[in-house]
């Protein structure tokens, strides 16, 4: 005896008359894509506001980023649950399987990007009413902020368009972040650095947060490239932090 399939509200529901299971599955895959774009847009807003809070000592903005990260976490959980249900109910293969598994991985990556934005906001909050960035590194972190926002904005667009030219641009922005990250060490290790121990720790952590944010953007760019071409051009950056 074959067990009856249980309909899950909003996912894998029994087809209405005239609607095929394939049509329903395609709609579910499309919804996953739309939700990834929405999640990326929320991460984009988070990294933008976190950087502004950091550079301008804007406490309300920093606290808003910290609180909103809970929403990003909730989006990841919802996406993951629906991906797992799709895997269990539809048992996709080939391209469909690649799409669902990629959605799982990209939602986790976006969640980590949201965490990094929260970390930046937490540093800004912890130093308020002062500024966490000492004057000698203000221009460097302004450039890092701009590059990270570009990564986030392009990631949002990339998830909606799967345009490989945008994927390449994300990697270029990540290269910029890597160079700026190295510049922070050049300043810290130079003979002219007069920052306090706390400032040194803050700058070291913040540089790392921005560098990792770029790496995660590249991870998504490579995952989208994989979806489009069926092959990963090179290894993804190690996803730590």
C-alpha atoms as a PDB file:
ATOM      1  CA  UNK A   1       0.000   0.000   0.000  1.00  0.00           C
ATOM      2  CA  UNK A   2       1.389   3.428  -1.005  1.00  0.00           C
ATOM      3  CA  UNK A   3       1.217   6.060   1.713  1.00  0.00           C
ATOM      4  CA  UNK A   4      -0.748   9.173   0.843  1.00  0.00           C
ATOM      5  CA  UNK A   5       1.367  12.240   0.302  1.00  0.00           C
ATOM      6  CA  UNK A   6       0.912  14.856   3.009  1.00  0.00           C
ATOM      7  CA  UNK A   7       0.343  18.372   1.728  1.00  0.00           C
ATOM      8  CA  UNK A   8       2.536  21.013   3.393  1.00  0.00           C
ATOM      9  CA  UNK A   9       1.027  24.529   3.336  1.00  0.00           C
ATOM     10  CA  UNK A  10       3.004  26.643   0.887  1.00  0.00           C
ATOM     11  CA  UNK A  11       5.217  23.764  -0.195  1.00  0.00           C
ATOM     12  CA  UNK A  12       4.580  20.521  -1.972  1.00  0.00           C
ATOM     13  CA  UNK A  13       0.814  20.890  -1.783  1.00  0.00           C
ATOM     14  CA  UNK A  14      -1.339  18.497  -3.743  1.00  0.00           C
ATOM     15  CA  UNK A  15      -1.795  19.893  -7.266  1.00  0.00           C
ATOM     16  CA  UNK A  16      -5.039  21.584  -8.207  1.00  0.00           C
ATOM     17  CA  UNK A  17      -6.920  20.339 -11.239  1.00  0.00           C
ATOM     18  CA  UNK A  18      -4.981  21.171 -14.390  1.00  0.00           C
ATOM     19  CA  UNK A  19      -1.729  21.790 -12.499  1.00  0.00           C
ATOM     20  CA  UNK A  20       1.064  19.264 -12.836  1.00  0.00           C
ATOM     21  CA  UNK A  21       3.509  18.308 -10.115  1.00  0.00           C
ATOM     22  CA  UNK A  22       6.241  19.691 -12.363  1.00  0.00           C
ATOM     23  CA  UNK A  23       4.511  23.076 -12.466  1.00  0.00           C
ATOM     24  CA  UNK A  24       4.289  23.117  -8.672  1.00  0.00           C
ATOM     25  CA  UNK A  25       7.930  22.126  -8.294  1.00  0.00           C
ATOM     26  CA  UNK A  26       9.023  24.832 -10.748  1.00  0.00           C
ATOM     27  CA  UNK A  27       7.012  27.381  -8.773  1.00  0.00           C
ATOM     28  CA  UNK A  28       8.674  26.246  -5.543  1.00  0.00           C
ATOM     29  CA  UNK A  29      12.127  26.575  -7.103  1.00  0.00           C
ATOM     30  CA  UNK A  30      11.247  30.047  -8.358  1.00  0.00           C
ATOM     31  CA  UNK A  31      10.085  31.028  -4.869  1.00  0.00           C
ATOM     32  CA  UNK A  32      13.389  29.852  -3.401  1.00  0.00           C
ATOM     33  CA  UNK A  33      15.184  32.107  -5.854  1.00  0.00           C
ATOM     34  CA  UNK A  34      13.013  35.089  -4.975  1.00  0.00           C
ATOM     35  CA  UNK A  35      13.555  34.524  -1.270  1.00  0.00           C
ATOM     36  CA  UNK A  36      17.322  34.347  -1.733  1.00  0.00           C
ATOM     37  CA  UNK A  37      17.188  37.719  -3.492  1.00  0.00           C
ATOM     38  CA  UNK A  38      15.128  39.146  -0.616  1.00  0.00           C
ATOM     39  CA  UNK A  39      17.595  37.773   1.916  1.00  0.00           C
ATOM     40  CA  UNK A  40      20.529  39.228  -0.017  1.00  0.00           C
ATOM     41  CA  UNK A  41      18.803  42.617  -0.124  1.00  0.00           C
ATOM     42  CA  UNK A  42      18.443  42.498   3.642  1.00  0.00           C
ATOM     43  CA  UNK A  43      22.145  41.671   4.006  1.00  0.00           C
ATOM     44  CA  UNK A  44      22.925  44.552   1.647  1.00  0.00           C
ATOM     45  CA  UNK A  45      21.025  46.930   3.908  1.00  0.00           C
ATOM     46  CA  UNK A  46      22.747  45.481   6.975  1.00  0.00           C
ATOM     47  CA  UNK A  47      26.308  45.944   5.707  1.00  0.00           C
ATOM     48  CA  UNK A  48      25.451  49.423   4.422  1.00  0.00           C
ATOM     49  CA  UNK A  49      24.012  50.552   7.747  1.00  0.00           C
ATOM     50  CA  UNK A  50      26.739  48.821   9.763  1.00  0.00           C
ATOM     51  CA  UNK A  51      29.432  50.686   7.856  1.00  0.00           C
ATOM     52  CA  UNK A  52      27.667  54.017   8.218  1.00  0.00           C
ATOM     53  CA  UNK A  53      27.258  53.384  11.948  1.00  0.00           C
ATOM     54  CA  UNK A  54      30.948  52.524  12.213  1.00  0.00           C
ATOM     55  CA  UNK A  55      32.199  55.548  10.298  1.00  0.00           C
ATOM     56  CA  UNK A  56      29.838  58.094  11.876  1.00  0.00           C
ATOM     57  CA  UNK A  57      29.359  56.692  15.414  1.00  0.00           C
ATOM     58  CA  UNK A  58      25.619  56.325  14.771  1.00  0.00           C
ATOM     59  CA  UNK A  59      24.343  54.330  17.752  1.00  0.00           C
ATOM     60  CA  UNK A  60      20.680  53.927  16.682  1.00  0.00           C
ATOM     61  CA  UNK A  61      21.787  52.652  13.288  1.00  0.00           C
ATOM     62  CA  UNK A  62      24.197  50.177  14.872  1.00  0.00           C
ATOM     63  CA  UNK A  63      21.497  48.846  17.188  1.00  0.00           C
ATOM     64  CA  UNK A  64      19.087  48.514  14.268  1.00  0.00           C
ATOM     65  CA  UNK A  65      21.589  46.330  12.384  1.00  0.00           C
ATOM     66  CA  UNK A  66      22.120  44.150  15.439  1.00  0.00           C
ATOM     67  CA  UNK A  67      18.392  43.614  15.931  1.00  0.00           C
ATOM     68  CA  UNK A  68      17.674  43.044  12.235  1.00  0.00           C
ATOM     69  CA  UNK A  69      20.170  40.190  12.111  1.00  0.00           C
ATOM     70  CA  UNK A  70      17.560  38.102  13.911  1.00  0.00           C
ATOM     71  CA  UNK A  71      15.349  38.518  10.871  1.00  0.00           C
ATOM     72  CA  UNK A  72      18.125  37.385   8.537  1.00  0.00           C
ATOM     73  CA  UNK A  73      18.640  34.323  10.714  1.00  0.00           C
ATOM     74  CA  UNK A  74      14.915  33.568  10.527  1.00  0.00           C
ATOM     75  CA  UNK A  75      14.980  33.831   6.742  1.00  0.00           C
ATOM     76  CA  UNK A  76      17.803  31.304   6.601  1.00  0.00           C
ATOM     77  CA  UNK A  77      15.911  28.854   8.793  1.00  0.00           C
ATOM     78  CA  UNK A  78      12.794  29.169   6.649  1.00  0.00           C
ATOM     79  CA  UNK A  79      14.737  28.682   3.413  1.00  0.00           C
ATOM     80  CA  UNK A  80      16.583  25.688   4.799  1.00  0.00           C
ATOM     81  CA  UNK A  81      13.398  24.019   6.013  1.00  0.00           C
ATOM     82  CA  UNK A  82      11.769  24.417   2.619  1.00  0.00           C
ATOM     83  CA  UNK A  83      14.854  23.126   0.811  1.00  0.00           C
ATOM     84  CA  UNK A  84      14.909  20.041   3.023  1.00  0.00           C
ATOM     85  CA  UNK A  85      11.210  19.441   2.383  1.00  0.00           C
ATOM     86  CA  UNK A  86      11.796  19.744  -1.350  1.00  0.00           C
ATOM     87  CA  UNK A  87      14.624  17.235  -1.183  1.00  0.00           C
ATOM     88  CA  UNK A  88      12.470  14.818   0.799  1.00  0.00           C
ATOM     89  CA  UNK A  89       9.232  15.205  -1.139  1.00  0.00           C
ATOM     90  CA  UNK A  90      10.406  15.765  -4.705  1.00  0.00           C
ATOM     91  CA  UNK A  91      13.725  13.867  -4.663  1.00  0.00           C
ATOM     92  CA  UNK A  92      15.164  16.138  -7.375  1.00  0.00           C
ATOM     93  CA  UNK A  93      17.998  15.021  -9.633  1.00  0.00           C
ATOM     94  CA  UNK A  94      20.469  16.645 -12.019  1.00  0.00           C
ATOM     95  CA  UNK A  95      19.874  20.393 -12.493  1.00  0.00           C
ATOM     96  CA  UNK A  96      16.978  20.533 -10.024  1.00  0.00           C
ATOM     97  CA  UNK A  97      19.098  18.948  -7.316  1.00  0.00           C
ATOM     98  CA  UNK A  98      21.866  21.431  -8.033  1.00  0.00           C
ATOM     99  CA  UNK A  99      19.437  24.329  -7.593  1.00  0.00           C
ATOM    100  CA  UNK A 100      18.090  23.117  -4.243  1.00  0.00           C
ATOM    101  CA  UNK A 101      21.489  22.241  -2.792  1.00  0.00           C
ATOM    102  CA  UNK A 102      22.904  25.566  -3.984  1.00  0.00           C
ATOM    103  CA  UNK A 103      20.019  27.399  -2.318  1.00  0.00           C
ATOM    104  CA  UNK A 104      20.858  25.651   0.949  1.00  0.00           C
ATOM    105  CA  UNK A 105      24.490  26.678   0.730  1.00  0.00           C
ATOM    106  CA  UNK A 106      23.829  30.231  -0.376  1.00  0.00           C
ATOM    107  CA  UNK A 107      21.301  30.864   2.387  1.00  0.00           C
ATOM    108  CA  UNK A 108      23.929  29.772   4.915  1.00  0.00           C
ATOM    109  CA  UNK A 109      26.482  32.070   3.295  1.00  0.00           C
ATOM    110  CA  UNK A 110      24.094  35.020   3.361  1.00  0.00           C
ATOM    111  CA  UNK A 111      23.397  34.326   7.031  1.00  0.00           C
ATOM    112  CA  UNK A 112      27.126  34.524   7.761  1.00  0.00           C
ATOM    113  CA  UNK A 113      27.362  37.783   5.821  1.00  0.00           C
ATOM    114  CA  UNK A 114      24.582  39.129   8.026  1.00  0.00           C
ATOM    115  CA  UNK A 115      26.522  38.012  11.091  1.00  0.00           C
ATOM    116  CA  UNK A 116      29.587  39.920   9.886  1.00  0.00           C
ATOM    117  CA  UNK A 117      27.515  43.080   9.431  1.00  0.00           C
ATOM    118  CA  UNK A 118      26.242  42.576  12.982  1.00  0.00           C
ATOM    119  CA  UNK A 119      29.808  42.193  14.286  1.00  0.00           C
ATOM    120  CA  UNK A 120      30.767  45.494  12.649  1.00  0.00           C
ATOM    121  CA  UNK A 121      27.734  47.191  14.202  1.00  0.00           C
ATOM    122  CA  UNK A 122      28.608  45.739  17.604  1.00  0.00           C
ATOM    123  CA  UNK A 123      32.076  47.292  17.447  1.00  0.00           C
ATOM    124  CA  UNK A 124      30.502  50.640  16.539  1.00  0.00           C
ATOM    125  CA  UNK A 125      28.087  50.331  19.470  1.00  0.00           C
ATOM    126  CA  UNK A 126      30.842  49.315  21.871  1.00  0.00           C
ATOM    127  CA  UNK A 127      32.926  52.420  21.133  1.00  0.00           C
ATOM    128  CA  UNK A 128      30.041  54.910  21.155  1.00  0.00           C
ATOM    129  CA  UNK A 129      30.115  57.898  21.641  1.00  0.00           C
ATOM    130  CA  UNK A 130      33.641  57.635  20.294  1.00  0.00           C
ATOM    131  CA  UNK A 131      34.703  56.396  16.874  1.00  0.00           C
ATOM    132  CA  UNK A 132      36.149  52.899  16.565  1.00  0.00           C
ATOM    133  CA  UNK A 133      38.324  53.855  13.587  1.00  0.00           C
ATOM    134  CA  UNK A 134      41.374  56.020  14.365  1.00  0.00           C
ATOM    135  CA  UNK A 135      42.055  58.896  11.954  1.00  0.00           C
ATOM    136  CA  UNK A 136      45.080  57.249  10.249  1.00  0.00           C
ATOM    137  CA  UNK A 137      42.815  54.435   9.004  1.00  0.00           C
ATOM    138  CA  UNK A 138      39.595  56.377   8.379  1.00  0.00           C
ATOM    139  CA  UNK A 139      40.085  56.547   4.610  1.00  0.00           C
ATOM    140  CA  UNK A 140      41.023  52.855   4.420  1.00  0.00           C
ATOM    141  CA  UNK A 141      37.861  51.767   6.203  1.00  0.00           C
ATOM    142  CA  UNK A 142      35.751  54.141   4.138  1.00  0.00           C
ATOM    143  CA  UNK A 143      37.059  52.340   1.054  1.00  0.00           C
ATOM    144  CA  UNK A 144      36.435  48.962   2.694  1.00  0.00           C
ATOM    145  CA  UNK A 145      32.877  49.988   3.446  1.00  0.00           C
ATOM    146  CA  UNK A 146      32.318  51.075  -0.149  1.00  0.00           C
ATOM    147  CA  UNK A 147      33.757  47.823  -1.519  1.00  0.00           C
ATOM    148  CA  UNK A 148      31.681  45.684   0.853  1.00  0.00           C
ATOM    149  CA  UNK A 149      28.507  47.526  -0.145  1.00  0.00           C
ATOM    150  CA  UNK A 150      29.359  46.874  -3.792  1.00  0.00           C
ATOM    151  CA  UNK A 151      29.814  43.177  -3.024  1.00  0.00           C
ATOM    152  CA  UNK A 152      26.421  43.068  -1.308  1.00  0.00           C
ATOM    153  CA  UNK A 153      24.622  45.050  -4.002  1.00  0.00           C
ATOM    154  CA  UNK A 154      26.082  42.950  -6.778  1.00  0.00           C
ATOM    155  CA  UNK A 155      25.297  39.751  -4.913  1.00  0.00           C
ATOM    156  CA  UNK A 156      21.648  40.789  -4.706  1.00  0.00           C
ATOM    157  CA  UNK A 157      21.581  41.553  -8.430  1.00  0.00           C
ATOM    158  CA  UNK A 158      23.483  38.386  -9.292  1.00  0.00           C
ATOM    159  CA  UNK A 159      21.021  36.141  -7.492  1.00  0.00           C
ATOM    160  CA  UNK A 160      18.202  37.683  -9.497  1.00  0.00           C
ATOM    161  CA  UNK A 161      19.881  37.702 -12.903  1.00  0.00           C
ATOM    162  CA  UNK A 162      22.588  34.996 -12.842  1.00  0.00           C
ATOM    163  CA  UNK A 163      24.699  37.373 -14.927  1.00  0.00           C
ATOM    164  CA  UNK A 164      28.245  35.985 -14.902  1.00  0.00           C
ATOM    165  CA  UNK A 165      29.716  39.421 -15.619  1.00  0.00           C
ATOM    166  CA  UNK A 166      28.370  40.499 -12.240  1.00  0.00           C
ATOM    167  CA  UNK A 167      29.903  37.398 -10.654  1.00  0.00           C
ATOM    168  CA  UNK A 168      33.282  38.481 -12.027  1.00  0.00           C
ATOM    169  CA  UNK A 169      32.766  41.994 -10.638  1.00  0.00           C
ATOM    170  CA  UNK A 170      32.114  40.554  -7.170  1.00  0.00           C
ATOM    171  CA  UNK A 171      35.492  38.830  -7.315  1.00  0.00           C
ATOM    172  CA  UNK A 172      37.160  42.113  -8.282  1.00  0.00           C
ATOM    173  CA  UNK A 173      35.576  43.865  -5.314  1.00  0.00           C
ATOM    174  CA  UNK A 174      36.812  41.059  -3.087  1.00  0.00           C
ATOM    175  CA  UNK A 175      40.335  41.631  -4.412  1.00  0.00           C
ATOM    176  CA  UNK A 176      39.974  45.270  -3.390  1.00  0.00           C
ATOM    177  CA  UNK A 177      38.909  44.242   0.110  1.00  0.00           C
ATOM    178  CA  UNK A 178      41.878  41.885   0.379  1.00  0.00           C
ATOM    179  CA  UNK A 179      44.270  44.684  -0.571  1.00  0.00           C
ATOM    180  CA  UNK A 180      42.709  47.103   1.900  1.00  0.00           C
ATOM    181  CA  UNK A 181      42.854  44.444   4.600  1.00  0.00           C
ATOM    182  CA  UNK A 182      46.578  44.076   3.973  1.00  0.00           C
ATOM    183  CA  UNK A 183      46.944  47.854   4.134  1.00  0.00           C
ATOM    184  CA  UNK A 184      45.581  47.865   7.674  1.00  0.00           C
ATOM    185  CA  UNK A 185      48.437  45.608   8.757  1.00  0.00           C
ATOM    186  CA  UNK A 186      50.940  47.844   6.993  1.00  0.00           C
ATOM    187  CA  UNK A 187      49.704  50.761   9.084  1.00  0.00           C
ATOM    188  CA  UNK A 188      49.473  48.766  12.326  1.00  0.00           C
ATOM    189  CA  UNK A 189      52.972  47.375  11.982  1.00  0.00           C
ATOM    190  CA  UNK A 190      54.501  50.643  10.849  1.00  0.00           C
ATOM    191  CA  UNK A 191      56.577  52.716  13.185  1.00  0.00           C
ATOM    192  CA  UNK A 192      54.099  55.585  13.127  1.00  0.00           C
ATOM    193  CA  UNK A 193      51.142  53.715  14.659  1.00  0.00           C
ATOM    194  CA  UNK A 194      50.186  55.289  17.999  1.00  0.00           C
ATOM    195  CA  UNK A 195      46.786  53.690  18.554  1.00  0.00           C
ATOM    196  CA  UNK A 196      45.811  52.148  21.871  1.00  0.00           C
ATOM    197  CA  UNK A 197      45.598  48.408  22.465  1.00  0.00           C
ATOM    198  CA  UNK A 198      41.805  48.603  22.133  1.00  0.00           C
ATOM    199  CA  UNK A 199      42.058  50.500  18.848  1.00  0.00           C
ATOM    200  CA  UNK A 200      44.544  47.968  17.541  1.00  0.00           C
ATOM    201  CA  UNK A 201      42.229  45.088  18.432  1.00  0.00           C
ATOM    202  CA  UNK A 202      39.214  46.845  16.900  1.00  0.00           C
ATOM    203  CA  UNK A 203      41.005  47.599  13.650  1.00  0.00           C
ATOM    204  CA  UNK A 204      42.317  44.048  13.394  1.00  0.00           C
ATOM    205  CA  UNK A 205      38.862  42.543  13.926  1.00  0.00           C
ATOM    206  CA  UNK A 206      37.075  44.992  11.650  1.00  0.00           C
ATOM    207  CA  UNK A 207      39.534  44.395   8.837  1.00  0.00           C
ATOM    208  CA  UNK A 208      38.950  40.680   9.186  1.00  0.00           C
ATOM    209  CA  UNK A 209      35.164  41.106   9.164  1.00  0.00           C
ATOM    210  CA  UNK A 210      35.260  43.061   5.921  1.00  0.00           C
ATOM    211  CA  UNK A 211      37.722  40.658   4.324  1.00  0.00           C
ATOM    212  CA  UNK A 212      35.527  37.684   5.197  1.00  0.00           C
ATOM    213  CA  UNK A 213      32.427  39.491   3.914  1.00  0.00           C
ATOM    214  CA  UNK A 214      34.078  39.746   0.520  1.00  0.00           C
ATOM    215  CA  UNK A 215      35.074  36.085   0.601  1.00  0.00           C
ATOM    216  CA  UNK A 216      31.484  35.046   1.243  1.00  0.00           C
ATOM    217  CA  UNK A 217      30.351  37.196  -1.666  1.00  0.00           C
ATOM    218  CA  UNK A 218      32.799  35.319  -3.885  1.00  0.00           C
ATOM    219  CA  UNK A 219      31.455  32.031  -2.551  1.00  0.00           C
ATOM    220  CA  UNK A 220      27.978  32.986  -3.767  1.00  0.00           C
ATOM    221  CA  UNK A 221      29.363  34.229  -7.087  1.00  0.00           C
ATOM    222  CA  UNK A 222      31.040  30.865  -7.649  1.00  0.00           C
ATOM    223  CA  UNK A 223      27.893  29.026  -6.632  1.00  0.00           C
ATOM    224  CA  UNK A 224      25.845  30.996  -9.181  1.00  0.00           C
ATOM    225  CA  UNK A 225      28.506  30.290 -11.801  1.00  0.00           C
ATOM    226  CA  UNK A 226      28.112  26.616 -10.960  1.00  0.00           C
ATOM    227  CA  UNK A 227      24.347  26.856 -11.429  1.00  0.00           C
ATOM    228  CA  UNK A 228      24.746  28.487 -14.829  1.00  0.00           C
ATOM    229  CA  UNK A 229      27.627  26.440 -16.224  1.00  0.00           C
ATOM    230  CA  UNK A 230      27.441  23.197 -14.261  1.00  0.00           C
ATOM    231  CA  UNK A 231      31.094  23.512 -13.264  1.00  0.00           C
ATOM    232  CA  UNK A 232      32.922  25.308 -10.469  1.00  0.00           C
ATOM    233  CA  UNK A 233      35.769  27.311 -12.008  1.00  0.00           C
ATOM    234  CA  UNK A 234      37.941  27.043  -8.903  1.00  0.00           C
ATOM    235  CA  UNK A 235      37.696  26.201  -5.218  1.00  0.00           C
ATOM    236  CA  UNK A 236      35.417  28.429  -3.150  1.00  0.00           C
ATOM    237  CA  UNK A 237      37.026  30.544  -0.407  1.00  0.00           C
ATOM    238  CA  UNK A 238      37.125  28.793   2.943  1.00  0.00           C
ATOM    239  CA  UNK A 239      33.860  29.723   4.663  1.00  0.00           C
ATOM    240  CA  UNK A 240      34.972  30.605   8.161  1.00  0.00           C
ATOM    241  CA  UNK A 241      33.290  33.287  10.182  1.00  0.00           C
END
